Amino acid sequence: MDIAALIRAIVAPLVTHPEAVVITPHETADYMAFDLIVAPDDVGRVIGKGGRVAQAIRTIVYAVKSPYTKRVRLNIMDAPHD
């Protein structure tokens, strides 16, 4: 399962700027981490009230069988401001 494609499939319909969605995978000592970057005005849509949407996204991503030997972690960030 391509974790980055799964994250994009979940997040793209939620945001108003799907073209700004960037997913960057990188490996740390403990995790295979995926940094999700969205437009600054879409961060609230991805996180949701009380972090409920973010938690739901993480639940789905963490439940999928991963090809990695390390655990998967999803980090949600906003795009750098100009």
C-alpha atoms as a PDB file:
ATOM      1  CA  MET A   1       0.000   0.000   0.000  1.00  0.00           C
ATOM      2  CA  ASP A   2       1.322   3.416  -0.969  1.00  0.00           C
ATOM      3  CA  ILE A   3       0.872   5.423   2.230  1.00  0.00           C
ATOM      4  CA  ALA A   4       1.485   8.798   0.534  1.00  0.00           C
ATOM      5  CA  ALA A   5      -1.229   8.068  -2.052  1.00  0.00           C
ATOM      6  CA  LEU A   6      -3.622   7.058   0.726  1.00  0.00           C
ATOM      7  CA  ILE A   7      -2.970  10.300   2.615  1.00  0.00           C
ATOM      8  CA  ARG A   8      -3.492  12.333  -0.575  1.00  0.00           C
ATOM      9  CA  ALA A   9      -6.760  10.482  -1.340  1.00  0.00           C
ATOM     10  CA  ILE A  10      -8.084  11.275   2.132  1.00  0.00           C
ATOM     11  CA  VAL A  11      -6.914  14.896   2.353  1.00  0.00           C
ATOM     12  CA  ALA A  12      -7.526  16.229  -1.176  1.00  0.00           C
ATOM     13  CA  PRO A  13     -11.360  16.287  -0.906  1.00  0.00           C
ATOM     14  CA  LEU A  14     -11.149  18.070   2.475  1.00  0.00           C
ATOM     15  CA  VAL A  15      -9.118  21.086   1.384  1.00  0.00           C
ATOM     16  CA  THR A  16      -9.925  24.051  -0.827  1.00  0.00           C
ATOM     17  CA  HIS A  17      -6.461  24.009  -2.434  1.00  0.00           C
ATOM     18  CA  PRO A  18      -5.738  20.347  -3.290  1.00  0.00           C
ATOM     19  CA  GLU A  19      -2.916  21.429  -5.603  1.00  0.00           C
ATOM     20  CA  ALA A  20      -1.032  22.728  -2.532  1.00  0.00           C
ATOM     21  CA  VAL A  21      -1.027  19.335  -0.785  1.00  0.00           C
ATOM     22  CA  VAL A  22       2.543  18.069  -0.478  1.00  0.00           C
ATOM     23  CA  ILE A  23       3.482  14.793   1.202  1.00  0.00           C
ATOM     24  CA  THR A  24       7.138  14.273   2.041  1.00  0.00           C
ATOM     25  CA  PRO A  25       8.239  10.894   3.398  1.00  0.00           C
ATOM     26  CA  HIS A  26      11.375  10.631   5.519  1.00  0.00           C
ATOM     27  CA  GLU A  27      12.798   8.069   7.871  1.00  0.00           C
ATOM     28  CA  THR A  28      13.706   8.775  11.484  1.00  0.00           C
ATOM     29  CA  ALA A  29      15.321   6.492  14.031  1.00  0.00           C
ATOM     30  CA  ASP A  30      11.925   5.195  15.192  1.00  0.00           C
ATOM     31  CA  TYR A  31       9.388   5.977  12.456  1.00  0.00           C
ATOM     32  CA  MET A  32       8.707   6.228   8.763  1.00  0.00           C
ATOM     33  CA  ALA A  33       7.335   9.756   8.903  1.00  0.00           C
ATOM     34  CA  PHE A  34       5.140  11.510   6.364  1.00  0.00           C
ATOM     35  CA  ASP A  35       5.002  15.309   6.512  1.00  0.00           C
ATOM     36  CA  LEU A  36       1.692  16.589   5.180  1.00  0.00           C
ATOM     37  CA  ILE A  37       1.891  20.210   4.076  1.00  0.00           C
ATOM     38  CA  VAL A  38      -1.302  22.047   3.146  1.00  0.00           C
ATOM     39  CA  ALA A  39      -2.116  25.672   2.370  1.00  0.00           C
ATOM     40  CA  PRO A  40      -2.247  27.860   5.504  1.00  0.00           C
ATOM     41  CA  ASP A  41      -6.001  28.408   5.183  1.00  0.00           C
ATOM     42  CA  ASP A  42      -6.598  24.629   4.907  1.00  0.00           C
ATOM     43  CA  VAL A  43      -4.829  23.604   8.113  1.00  0.00           C
ATOM     44  CA  GLY A  44      -8.022  24.062  10.134  1.00  0.00           C
ATOM     45  CA  ARG A  45      -9.965  21.844   7.735  1.00  0.00           C
ATOM     46  CA  VAL A  46      -7.414  19.042   8.050  1.00  0.00           C
ATOM     47  CA  ILE A  47      -7.112  19.288  11.834  1.00  0.00           C
ATOM     48  CA  GLY A  48     -10.810  19.862  12.563  1.00  0.00           C
ATOM     49  CA  LYS A  49     -12.460  20.856  15.824  1.00  0.00           C
ATOM     50  CA  GLY A  50     -10.452  19.535  18.704  1.00  0.00           C
ATOM     51  CA  GLY A  51      -8.223  17.629  16.284  1.00  0.00           C
ATOM     52  CA  ARG A  52     -10.948  15.132  15.416  1.00  0.00           C
ATOM     53  CA  VAL A  53     -10.372  15.121  11.652  1.00  0.00           C
ATOM     54  CA  ALA A  54      -6.607  14.790  12.119  1.00  0.00           C
ATOM     55  CA  GLN A  55      -7.125  11.910  14.542  1.00  0.00           C
ATOM     56  CA  ALA A  56      -9.468  10.166  12.095  1.00  0.00           C
ATOM     57  CA  ILE A  57      -6.920  10.535   9.273  1.00  0.00           C
ATOM     58  CA  ARG A  58      -4.175   9.172  11.514  1.00  0.00           C
ATOM     59  CA  THR A  59      -6.351   6.244  12.599  1.00  0.00           C
ATOM     60  CA  ILE A  60      -6.880   5.213   8.969  1.00  0.00           C
ATOM     61  CA  VAL A  61      -3.234   5.694   7.993  1.00  0.00           C
ATOM     62  CA  TYR A  62      -1.913   3.819  11.032  1.00  0.00           C
ATOM     63  CA  ALA A  63      -4.357   0.931  10.526  1.00  0.00           C
ATOM     64  CA  VAL A  64      -3.268   0.186   6.952  1.00  0.00           C
ATOM     65  CA  LYS A  65      -0.693  -2.546   6.476  1.00  0.00           C
ATOM     66  CA  SER A  66       2.527  -0.768   5.722  1.00  0.00           C
ATOM     67  CA  PRO A  67       5.471  -2.031   3.651  1.00  0.00           C
ATOM     68  CA  TYR A  68       7.826  -0.409   6.170  1.00  0.00           C
ATOM     69  CA  THR A  69       9.396  -2.227   9.107  1.00  0.00           C
ATOM     70  CA  LYS A  70       9.048   0.902  11.257  1.00  0.00           C
ATOM     71  CA  ARG A  71       5.819   2.417  12.502  1.00  0.00           C
ATOM     72  CA  VAL A  72       4.239   5.129  10.371  1.00  0.00           C
ATOM     73  CA  ARG A  73       3.803   8.664  11.695  1.00  0.00           C
ATOM     74  CA  LEU A  74       1.829  11.512  10.092  1.00  0.00           C
ATOM     75  CA  ASN A  75       2.882  15.118  10.767  1.00  0.00           C
ATOM     76  CA  ILE A  76       0.469  17.860   9.673  1.00  0.00           C
ATOM     77  CA  MET A  77       2.011  21.243   8.830  1.00  0.00           C
ATOM     78  CA  ASP A  78       1.030  24.376   7.007  1.00  0.00           C
ATOM     79  CA  ALA A  79       2.950  25.748   4.054  1.00  0.00           C
ATOM     80  CA  PRO A  80       5.620  28.327   4.839  1.00  0.00           C
ATOM     81  CA  HIS A  81       4.342  31.878   4.584  1.00  0.00           C
ATOM     82  CA  ASP A  82       5.940  34.153   2.007  1.00  0.00           C
END
